[in-house]
Amino acid sequence: MSTPAVKLRPLEATDLGLLVTWRNDADNRGFFFSHAPLTHSGQSRWYESYLGKRDAILFVVCTAEGTPVGTVGLDNIDHKNQKAEFGRLLIGEPQFRQKGYGMIALRETLRYGFDELNLNRIYLQVFRDNSAAISLYKKVGFVDEGTLRSDHYSRGAWRDVLNMGLLRDEWEQTR
């Protein structure tokens, strides 16, 4: 399998319909901490508040030809302490899943965080039973920093949440 060419671009208002479709997909919803169905009006209100934020960026993951296929982002960007939370990684278009787009989007977001934003630490939270995501994060160097036991009620059960982190020097070693 060849590595796909991926472009990241900032989220635009015209992307909101795709976000609603992707996030409401039953195959995706169970992996998000907030998995209530989205509405177009709710997404529009969220977007208006997002535009005023200075501590978050959401990228749209696109093919080399510019076709939007997913999202990825950084939240809680803290310039003083040089850290941010990685998240919102979603390959929403089913035909583009399991083809390397998520890995490339992850690597590009880490490059942006460490090189462009001058971060020292990028961290994340993921459900402990999301083995595919955990495997992906470990491949780029994220390490297990502890488990929050029975932290989140989802899909009719209490689920553990794994904290993972990656430091700039660790990232530079795995590039």
N, C-alpha and C. Protein backbone atom coordinates (compact mmCIF):
# COMPACT_ATOMS: atom_id res chain seq x y z
N MET A 1 0.84 -1.18 0.00
CA MET A 1 0.00 0.00 0.00
C MET A 1 0.89 1.24 0.00
N SER A 2 0.65 2.14 -0.92
CA SER A 2 1.43 3.37 -0.97
C SER A 2 0.84 4.38 0.01
N THR A 3 1.69 5.28 0.45
CA THR A 3 1.25 6.31 1.39
C THR A 3 0.47 7.36 0.63
N PRO A 4 -0.74 7.67 1.08
CA PRO A 4 -1.53 8.68 0.36
C PRO A 4 -0.99 10.08 0.60
N ALA A 5 -1.19 10.94 -0.38
CA ALA A 5 -0.88 12.35 -0.20
C ALA A 5 -2.06 12.99 0.51
N VAL A 6 -1.76 13.72 1.56
CA VAL A 6 -2.81 14.32 2.39
C VAL A 6 -2.52 15.81 2.54
N LYS A 7 -3.57 16.58 2.45
CA LYS A 7 -3.47 18.02 2.71
C LYS A 7 -4.37 18.34 3.89
N LEU A 8 -3.89 19.22 4.75
CA LEU A 8 -4.71 19.72 5.85
C LEU A 8 -5.02 21.18 5.55
N ARG A 9 -6.28 21.56 5.76
CA ARG A 9 -6.66 22.96 5.60
C ARG A 9 -7.60 23.32 6.75
N PRO A 10 -7.64 24.60 7.11
CA PRO A 10 -8.54 25.00 8.19
C PRO A 10 -10.01 24.73 7.84
N LEU A 11 -10.78 24.46 8.86
CA LEU A 11 -12.22 24.25 8.72
C LEU A 11 -12.89 25.52 8.20
N GLU A 12 -13.84 25.34 7.30
CA GLU A 12 -14.62 26.45 6.76
C GLU A 12 -16.10 26.18 6.99
N ALA A 13 -16.91 27.22 6.94
CA ALA A 13 -18.36 27.08 7.16
C ALA A 13 -18.97 26.09 6.18
N THR A 14 -18.44 26.00 4.98
CA THR A 14 -18.99 25.09 3.98
C THR A 14 -18.76 23.62 4.33
N ASP A 15 -17.91 23.35 5.32
CA ASP A 15 -17.62 21.97 5.74
C ASP A 15 -18.60 21.46 6.78
N LEU A 16 -19.44 22.32 7.34
CA LEU A 16 -20.26 21.92 8.48
C LEU A 16 -21.21 20.77 8.17
N GLY A 17 -21.76 20.73 6.98
CA GLY A 17 -22.63 19.63 6.60
C GLY A 17 -21.91 18.29 6.63
N LEU A 18 -20.67 18.29 6.18
CA LEU A 18 -19.86 17.07 6.23
C LEU A 18 -19.62 16.64 7.67
N LEU A 19 -19.32 17.61 8.55
CA LEU A 19 -19.09 17.27 9.96
C LEU A 19 -20.30 16.60 10.57
N VAL A 20 -21.48 17.14 10.28
CA VAL A 20 -22.71 16.55 10.82
C VAL A 20 -22.87 15.12 10.31
N THR A 21 -22.66 14.92 9.03
CA THR A 21 -22.79 13.58 8.45
C THR A 21 -21.77 12.62 9.06
N TRP A 22 -20.52 13.03 9.11
CA TRP A 22 -19.47 12.17 9.62
C TRP A 22 -19.66 11.83 11.09
N ARG A 23 -19.95 12.84 11.90
CA ARG A 23 -20.09 12.62 13.35
C ARG A 23 -21.36 11.83 13.68
N ASN A 24 -22.39 11.91 12.85
CA ASN A 24 -23.62 11.17 13.12
C ASN A 24 -23.57 9.74 12.62
N ASP A 25 -22.55 9.37 11.88
CA ASP A 25 -22.38 8.02 11.39
C ASP A 25 -22.23 7.08 12.60
N ALA A 26 -23.05 6.05 12.67
CA ALA A 26 -23.05 5.13 13.81
C ALA A 26 -21.69 4.47 14.01
N ASP A 27 -20.93 4.26 12.93
CA ASP A 27 -19.61 3.65 13.05
C ASP A 27 -18.62 4.58 13.75
N ASN A 28 -18.89 5.87 13.74
CA ASN A 28 -17.97 6.85 14.33
C ASN A 28 -18.38 7.31 15.72
N ARG A 29 -19.66 7.44 15.94
CA ARG A 29 -20.17 8.13 17.12
C ARG A 29 -19.69 7.53 18.44
N GLY A 30 -19.55 6.22 18.52
CA GLY A 30 -19.15 5.58 19.76
C GLY A 30 -17.72 5.84 20.18
N PHE A 31 -16.91 6.40 19.29
CA PHE A 31 -15.51 6.68 19.62
C PHE A 31 -15.30 8.09 20.15
N PHE A 32 -16.34 8.93 20.09
CA PHE A 32 -16.23 10.29 20.59
C PHE A 32 -16.73 10.36 22.02
N PHE A 33 -16.16 11.24 22.81
CA PHE A 33 -16.60 11.41 24.19
C PHE A 33 -17.99 12.03 24.24
N SER A 34 -18.30 12.88 23.30
CA SER A 34 -19.65 13.42 23.17
C SER A 34 -20.24 12.76 21.94
N HIS A 35 -21.17 11.84 22.14
CA HIS A 35 -21.67 11.09 21.00
C HIS A 35 -23.16 11.29 20.75
N ALA A 36 -23.71 12.38 21.27
CA ALA A 36 -25.10 12.70 20.95
C ALA A 36 -25.16 13.14 19.48
N PRO A 37 -26.25 12.84 18.80
CA PRO A 37 -26.37 13.24 17.40
C PRO A 37 -26.23 14.76 17.24
N LEU A 38 -25.58 15.16 16.16
CA LEU A 38 -25.41 16.58 15.86
C LEU A 38 -26.53 17.05 14.95
N THR A 39 -26.85 18.34 15.05
CA THR A 39 -27.80 18.96 14.14
C THR A 39 -27.08 20.04 13.35
N HIS A 40 -27.64 20.42 12.23
CA HIS A 40 -27.03 21.48 11.42
C HIS A 40 -27.04 22.80 12.17
N SER A 41 -28.14 23.11 12.86
CA SER A 41 -28.20 24.38 13.59
C SER A 41 -27.23 24.37 14.77
N GLY A 42 -27.14 23.27 15.45
CA GLY A 42 -26.19 23.16 16.56
C GLY A 42 -24.76 23.27 16.08
N GLN A 43 -24.46 22.67 14.95
CA GLN A 43 -23.11 22.74 14.40
C GLN A 43 -22.78 24.17 13.98
N SER A 44 -23.76 24.88 13.45
CA SER A 44 -23.55 26.29 13.08
C SER A 44 -23.25 27.14 14.31
N ARG A 45 -23.97 26.90 15.41
CA ARG A 45 -23.71 27.64 16.65
C ARG A 45 -22.32 27.30 17.17
N TRP A 46 -21.95 26.01 17.13
CA TRP A 46 -20.61 25.61 17.56
C TRP A 46 -19.55 26.32 16.72
N TYR A 47 -19.75 26.40 15.41
CA TYR A 47 -18.77 27.01 14.51
C TYR A 47 -18.58 28.49 14.83
N GLU A 48 -19.65 29.18 15.12
CA GLU A 48 -19.55 30.60 15.46
C GLU A 48 -18.70 30.79 16.71
N SER A 49 -18.87 29.94 17.70
CA SER A 49 -18.05 30.05 18.92
C SER A 49 -16.61 29.62 18.64
N TYR A 50 -16.44 28.62 17.79
CA TYR A 50 -15.10 28.15 17.42
C TYR A 50 -14.29 29.26 16.77
N LEU A 51 -14.93 30.06 15.93
CA LEU A 51 -14.22 31.14 15.23
C LEU A 51 -13.59 32.13 16.20
N GLY A 52 -14.18 32.30 17.38
CA GLY A 52 -13.66 33.22 18.37
C GLY A 52 -12.58 32.63 19.27
N LYS A 53 -12.35 31.34 19.15
CA LYS A 53 -11.36 30.68 20.02
C LYS A 53 -9.95 30.94 19.51
N ARG A 54 -9.05 31.10 20.45
CA ARG A 54 -7.64 31.27 20.11
C ARG A 54 -6.81 30.07 20.57
N ASP A 55 -7.48 29.09 21.17
CA ASP A 55 -6.74 27.95 21.72
C ASP A 55 -7.11 26.64 21.04
N ALA A 56 -7.65 26.72 19.82
CA ALA A 56 -8.03 25.50 19.10
C ALA A 56 -7.91 25.71 17.60
N ILE A 57 -7.58 24.62 16.92
CA ILE A 57 -7.61 24.62 15.46
C ILE A 57 -8.12 23.27 15.00
N LEU A 58 -9.06 23.32 14.07
CA LEU A 58 -9.59 22.09 13.49
C LEU A 58 -9.27 22.12 12.00
N PHE A 59 -8.59 21.09 11.56
CA PHE A 59 -8.24 20.95 10.15
C PHE A 59 -9.20 19.99 9.47
N VAL A 60 -9.42 20.21 8.20
CA VAL A 60 -10.11 19.25 7.36
C VAL A 60 -9.02 18.46 6.64
N VAL A 61 -9.10 17.14 6.72
CA VAL A 61 -8.16 16.25 6.05
C VAL A 61 -8.67 16.05 4.62
N CYS A 62 -7.81 16.35 3.64
CA CYS A 62 -8.19 16.25 2.23
C CYS A 62 -7.22 15.36 1.48
N THR A 63 -7.72 14.77 0.40
CA THR A 63 -6.85 14.02 -0.51
C THR A 63 -5.97 15.02 -1.26
N ALA A 64 -5.01 14.52 -2.01
CA ALA A 64 -4.14 15.38 -2.81
C ALA A 64 -4.95 16.23 -3.78
N GLU A 65 -6.10 15.69 -4.21
CA GLU A 65 -6.96 16.41 -5.15
C GLU A 65 -7.88 17.42 -4.46
N GLY A 66 -7.87 17.43 -3.13
CA GLY A 66 -8.68 18.39 -2.39
C GLY A 66 -10.01 17.88 -1.89
N THR A 67 -10.27 16.58 -2.04
CA THR A 67 -11.53 16.01 -1.55
C THR A 67 -11.49 15.87 -0.03
N PRO A 68 -12.44 16.48 0.69
CA PRO A 68 -12.47 16.35 2.14
C PRO A 68 -12.83 14.92 2.55
N VAL A 69 -12.03 14.35 3.47
CA VAL A 69 -12.28 12.99 3.92
C VAL A 69 -12.37 12.86 5.43
N GLY A 70 -12.00 13.91 6.18
CA GLY A 70 -12.03 13.80 7.63
C GLY A 70 -11.59 15.06 8.33
N THR A 71 -11.30 14.92 9.62
CA THR A 71 -10.88 16.04 10.45
C THR A 71 -9.76 15.61 11.41
N VAL A 72 -9.06 16.60 11.91
CA VAL A 72 -8.04 16.40 12.93
C VAL A 72 -7.76 17.78 13.54
N GLY A 73 -7.38 17.81 14.82
CA GLY A 73 -7.14 19.12 15.40
C GLY A 73 -6.36 19.13 16.69
N LEU A 74 -6.14 20.33 17.16
CA LEU A 74 -5.52 20.58 18.45
C LEU A 74 -6.45 21.48 19.25
N ASP A 75 -6.65 21.15 20.51
CA ASP A 75 -7.47 21.93 21.43
C ASP A 75 -6.64 22.32 22.65
N ASN A 76 -7.18 23.24 23.42
CA ASN A 76 -6.53 23.66 24.67
C ASN A 76 -5.07 24.03 24.43
N ILE A 77 -4.81 24.74 23.34
CA ILE A 77 -3.45 25.16 23.02
C ILE A 77 -3.01 26.17 24.08
N ASP A 78 -1.95 25.83 24.77
CA ASP A 78 -1.42 26.63 25.88
C ASP A 78 0.00 27.04 25.51
N HIS A 79 0.14 28.29 25.01
CA HIS A 79 1.45 28.75 24.55
C HIS A 79 2.43 28.95 25.70
N LYS A 80 1.94 29.37 26.84
CA LYS A 80 2.82 29.59 28.00
C LYS A 80 3.50 28.29 28.41
N ASN A 81 2.71 27.22 28.53
CA ASN A 81 3.25 25.93 28.94
C ASN A 81 3.60 25.02 27.77
N GLN A 82 3.47 25.53 26.56
CA GLN A 82 3.86 24.85 25.33
C GLN A 82 3.27 23.45 25.21
N LYS A 83 1.94 23.38 25.36
CA LYS A 83 1.27 22.09 25.24
C LYS A 83 -0.09 22.27 24.59
N ALA A 84 -0.64 21.16 24.09
CA ALA A 84 -1.97 21.16 23.48
C ALA A 84 -2.51 19.74 23.50
N GLU A 85 -3.83 19.65 23.36
CA GLU A 85 -4.50 18.36 23.33
C GLU A 85 -4.80 17.97 21.88
N PHE A 86 -4.34 16.80 21.48
CA PHE A 86 -4.64 16.28 20.15
C PHE A 86 -6.02 15.66 20.17
N GLY A 87 -6.76 15.81 19.07
CA GLY A 87 -8.06 15.16 19.01
C GLY A 87 -8.79 15.38 17.70
N ARG A 88 -10.03 14.94 17.72
CA ARG A 88 -10.95 15.08 16.59
C ARG A 88 -10.47 14.37 15.33
N LEU A 89 -9.61 13.37 15.51
CA LEU A 89 -9.16 12.60 14.35
C LEU A 89 -10.30 11.71 13.90
N LEU A 90 -10.73 11.95 12.70
CA LEU A 90 -11.85 11.19 12.14
C LEU A 90 -11.68 11.13 10.63
N ILE A 91 -11.62 9.93 10.09
CA ILE A 91 -11.72 9.76 8.65
C ILE A 91 -13.17 9.42 8.40
N GLY A 92 -13.92 10.43 8.00
CA GLY A 92 -15.38 10.33 7.91
C GLY A 92 -15.89 9.61 6.69
N GLU A 93 -15.14 9.66 5.61
CA GLU A 93 -15.56 9.01 4.37
C GLU A 93 -15.11 7.55 4.41
N PRO A 94 -16.07 6.61 4.47
CA PRO A 94 -15.73 5.19 4.67
C PRO A 94 -14.72 4.63 3.66
N GLN A 95 -14.78 5.05 2.42
CA GLN A 95 -13.87 4.48 1.42
C GLN A 95 -12.42 4.93 1.60
N PHE A 96 -12.17 5.88 2.50
CA PHE A 96 -10.82 6.36 2.76
C PHE A 96 -10.26 5.85 4.09
N ARG A 97 -11.02 5.04 4.80
CA ARG A 97 -10.56 4.48 6.07
C ARG A 97 -9.59 3.31 5.83
N GLN A 98 -8.69 3.12 6.77
CA GLN A 98 -7.73 2.02 6.70
C GLN A 98 -6.81 2.12 5.48
N LYS A 99 -6.56 3.34 5.02
CA LYS A 99 -5.71 3.53 3.84
C LYS A 99 -4.53 4.46 4.13
N GLY A 100 -4.33 4.83 5.40
CA GLY A 100 -3.19 5.65 5.77
C GLY A 100 -3.48 7.13 5.95
N TYR A 101 -4.70 7.56 5.65
CA TYR A 101 -5.02 8.99 5.78
C TYR A 101 -4.95 9.45 7.23
N GLY A 102 -5.40 8.63 8.16
CA GLY A 102 -5.36 8.99 9.57
C GLY A 102 -3.93 9.14 10.07
N MET A 103 -3.06 8.23 9.69
CA MET A 103 -1.67 8.29 10.11
C MET A 103 -0.99 9.56 9.58
N ILE A 104 -1.21 9.86 8.30
CA ILE A 104 -0.58 11.05 7.72
C ILE A 104 -1.14 12.31 8.37
N ALA A 105 -2.46 12.35 8.59
CA ALA A 105 -3.08 13.51 9.23
C ALA A 105 -2.53 13.69 10.65
N LEU A 106 -2.36 12.60 11.37
CA LEU A 106 -1.79 12.64 12.71
C LEU A 106 -0.37 13.21 12.66
N ARG A 107 0.45 12.67 11.79
CA ARG A 107 1.84 13.14 11.68
C ARG A 107 1.92 14.62 11.29
N GLU A 108 1.09 15.04 10.37
CA GLU A 108 1.09 16.44 9.93
C GLU A 108 0.64 17.37 11.06
N THR A 109 -0.32 16.92 11.86
CA THR A 109 -0.79 17.73 12.98
C THR A 109 0.29 17.83 14.05
N LEU A 110 0.99 16.74 14.31
CA LEU A 110 2.10 16.76 15.26
C LEU A 110 3.21 17.68 14.75
N ARG A 111 3.53 17.58 13.47
CA ARG A 111 4.55 18.47 12.89
C ARG A 111 4.14 19.92 13.08
N TYR A 112 2.88 20.24 12.80
CA TYR A 112 2.38 21.60 12.97
C TYR A 112 2.51 22.03 14.44
N GLY A 113 2.10 21.17 15.36
CA GLY A 113 2.16 21.52 16.77
C GLY A 113 3.57 21.75 17.28
N PHE A 114 4.47 20.84 16.94
CA PHE A 114 5.83 20.96 17.44
C PHE A 114 6.65 22.00 16.68
N ASP A 115 6.51 22.05 15.36
CA ASP A 115 7.34 22.95 14.56
C ASP A 115 6.76 24.35 14.42
N GLU A 116 5.48 24.46 14.16
CA GLU A 116 4.87 25.77 13.92
C GLU A 116 4.43 26.45 15.21
N LEU A 117 3.85 25.69 16.13
CA LEU A 117 3.37 26.28 17.38
C LEU A 117 4.42 26.23 18.49
N ASN A 118 5.54 25.55 18.23
CA ASN A 118 6.63 25.42 19.19
C ASN A 118 6.18 24.76 20.50
N LEU A 119 5.35 23.74 20.38
CA LEU A 119 4.90 23.02 21.57
C LEU A 119 5.98 22.08 22.07
N ASN A 120 5.95 21.79 23.35
CA ASN A 120 6.85 20.81 23.94
C ASN A 120 6.13 19.50 24.22
N ARG A 121 4.80 19.56 24.36
CA ARG A 121 4.03 18.37 24.74
C ARG A 121 2.68 18.39 24.04
N ILE A 122 2.30 17.24 23.51
CA ILE A 122 0.96 17.05 22.95
C ILE A 122 0.39 15.81 23.63
N TYR A 123 -0.81 15.94 24.13
CA TYR A 123 -1.43 14.86 24.89
C TYR A 123 -2.81 14.55 24.31
N LEU A 124 -3.38 13.43 24.75
CA LEU A 124 -4.70 13.04 24.27
C LEU A 124 -5.35 12.10 25.26
N GLN A 125 -6.64 11.92 25.06
CA GLN A 125 -7.40 10.91 25.79
C GLN A 125 -8.12 10.05 24.76
N VAL A 126 -8.17 8.75 25.04
CA VAL A 126 -8.81 7.81 24.13
C VAL A 126 -9.44 6.69 24.97
N PHE A 127 -10.56 6.18 24.51
CA PHE A 127 -11.16 5.05 25.22
C PHE A 127 -10.18 3.88 25.18
N ARG A 128 -10.00 3.23 26.32
CA ARG A 128 -9.05 2.12 26.42
C ARG A 128 -9.41 0.98 25.47
N ASP A 129 -10.69 0.83 25.12
CA ASP A 129 -11.09 -0.26 24.22
C ASP A 129 -10.97 0.11 22.74
N ASN A 130 -10.44 1.29 22.43
CA ASN A 130 -10.24 1.70 21.04
C ASN A 130 -8.83 1.31 20.62
N SER A 131 -8.63 0.02 20.44
CA SER A 131 -7.29 -0.51 20.18
C SER A 131 -6.69 -0.01 18.88
N ALA A 132 -7.50 0.24 17.86
CA ALA A 132 -6.97 0.75 16.59
C ALA A 132 -6.35 2.13 16.77
N ALA A 133 -7.04 3.01 17.50
CA ALA A 133 -6.51 4.36 17.73
C ALA A 133 -5.26 4.30 18.61
N ILE A 134 -5.29 3.49 19.64
CA ILE A 134 -4.14 3.39 20.54
C ILE A 134 -2.92 2.89 19.77
N SER A 135 -3.11 1.91 18.91
CA SER A 135 -2.01 1.40 18.09
C SER A 135 -1.44 2.50 17.19
N LEU A 136 -2.31 3.28 16.59
CA LEU A 136 -1.89 4.39 15.73
C LEU A 136 -1.06 5.39 16.53
N TYR A 137 -1.56 5.76 17.72
CA TYR A 137 -0.85 6.75 18.54
C TYR A 137 0.51 6.23 18.99
N LYS A 138 0.59 4.96 19.34
CA LYS A 138 1.87 4.39 19.77
C LYS A 138 2.88 4.36 18.62
N LYS A 139 2.39 4.16 17.39
CA LYS A 139 3.30 4.12 16.24
C LYS A 139 4.05 5.43 16.04
N VAL A 140 3.45 6.55 16.43
CA VAL A 140 4.13 7.83 16.27
C VAL A 140 4.84 8.27 17.54
N GLY A 141 4.77 7.46 18.61
CA GLY A 141 5.55 7.74 19.79
C GLY A 141 4.79 8.11 21.05
N PHE A 142 3.46 8.23 20.99
CA PHE A 142 2.70 8.52 22.20
C PHE A 142 2.92 7.39 23.21
N VAL A 143 2.99 7.77 24.49
CA VAL A 143 3.16 6.78 25.55
C VAL A 143 1.97 6.85 26.51
N ASP A 144 1.70 5.73 27.13
CA ASP A 144 0.64 5.60 28.12
C ASP A 144 1.04 6.37 29.36
N GLU A 145 0.18 7.30 29.78
CA GLU A 145 0.46 8.09 30.98
C GLU A 145 -0.53 7.79 32.11
N GLY A 146 -1.35 6.79 31.91
CA GLY A 146 -2.27 6.40 32.98
C GLY A 146 -3.69 6.22 32.50
N THR A 147 -4.44 5.49 33.29
CA THR A 147 -5.82 5.17 32.94
C THR A 147 -6.77 5.78 33.97
N LEU A 148 -7.82 6.40 33.46
CA LEU A 148 -8.91 6.86 34.30
C LEU A 148 -9.96 5.75 34.27
N ARG A 149 -10.05 5.01 35.36
CA ARG A 149 -10.91 3.83 35.40
C ARG A 149 -12.38 4.23 35.48
N SER A 150 -13.22 3.55 34.70
CA SER A 150 -14.67 3.79 34.68
C SER A 150 -14.98 5.28 34.64
N ASP A 151 -14.32 5.97 33.75
CA ASP A 151 -14.41 7.43 33.71
C ASP A 151 -15.57 7.96 32.89
N HIS A 152 -16.04 7.18 31.93
CA HIS A 152 -17.02 7.71 30.99
C HIS A 152 -18.11 6.66 30.74
N TYR A 153 -19.35 7.07 30.88
CA TYR A 153 -20.46 6.16 30.60
C TYR A 153 -20.85 6.32 29.14
N SER A 154 -20.73 5.23 28.39
CA SER A 154 -20.96 5.29 26.95
C SER A 154 -21.35 3.90 26.45
N ARG A 155 -22.26 3.85 25.51
CA ARG A 155 -22.70 2.58 24.92
C ARG A 155 -23.22 1.61 25.98
N GLY A 156 -23.83 2.16 27.01
CA GLY A 156 -24.45 1.33 28.04
C GLY A 156 -23.52 0.75 29.07
N ALA A 157 -22.30 1.25 29.14
CA ALA A 157 -21.33 0.72 30.11
C ALA A 157 -20.34 1.80 30.51
N TRP A 158 -19.69 1.57 31.66
CA TRP A 158 -18.60 2.44 32.08
C TRP A 158 -17.35 2.05 31.29
N ARG A 159 -16.67 3.05 30.77
CA ARG A 159 -15.48 2.79 29.96
C ARG A 159 -14.27 3.49 30.56
N ASP A 160 -13.13 2.81 30.50
CA ASP A 160 -11.87 3.39 30.94
C ASP A 160 -11.35 4.34 29.86
N VAL A 161 -10.66 5.37 30.30
CA VAL A 161 -10.06 6.35 29.40
C VAL A 161 -8.55 6.35 29.62
N LEU A 162 -7.82 6.21 28.54
CA LEU A 162 -6.36 6.19 28.57
C LEU A 162 -5.83 7.59 28.28
N ASN A 163 -4.91 8.06 29.11
CA ASN A 163 -4.19 9.32 28.87
C ASN A 163 -2.88 8.96 28.19
N MET A 164 -2.56 9.67 27.10
CA MET A 164 -1.31 9.43 26.39
C MET A 164 -0.65 10.78 26.13
N GLY A 165 0.67 10.77 26.03
CA GLY A 165 1.39 12.00 25.78
C GLY A 165 2.60 11.76 24.90
N LEU A 166 3.03 12.85 24.25
CA LEU A 166 4.21 12.81 23.38
C LEU A 166 4.97 14.12 23.59
N LEU A 167 6.26 14.00 23.89
CA LEU A 167 7.11 15.17 24.07
C LEU A 167 7.88 15.46 22.79
N ARG A 168 8.26 16.73 22.63
CA ARG A 168 8.98 17.14 21.42
C ARG A 168 10.19 16.26 21.15
N ASP A 169 11.04 15.99 22.16
CA ASP A 169 12.24 15.19 21.91
C ASP A 169 11.90 13.77 21.50
N GLU A 170 10.80 13.22 22.03
CA GLU A 170 10.35 11.88 21.62
C GLU A 170 9.90 11.91 20.16
N TRP A 171 9.17 12.95 19.78
CA TRP A 171 8.70 13.12 18.41
C TRP A 171 9.89 13.20 17.45
N GLU A 172 10.87 13.97 17.82
CA GLU A 172 12.04 14.15 16.94
C GLU A 172 12.80 12.84 16.75
N GLN A 173 12.77 11.97 17.74
CA GLN A 173 13.43 10.66 17.62
C GLN A 173 12.68 9.71 16.69
N THR A 174 11.35 9.88 16.56
CA THR A 174 10.57 8.95 15.74
C THR A 174 10.28 9.47 14.35
N ARG A 175 10.68 10.69 14.04
CA ARG A 175 10.39 11.26 12.72
C ARG A 175 10.91 10.38 11.66
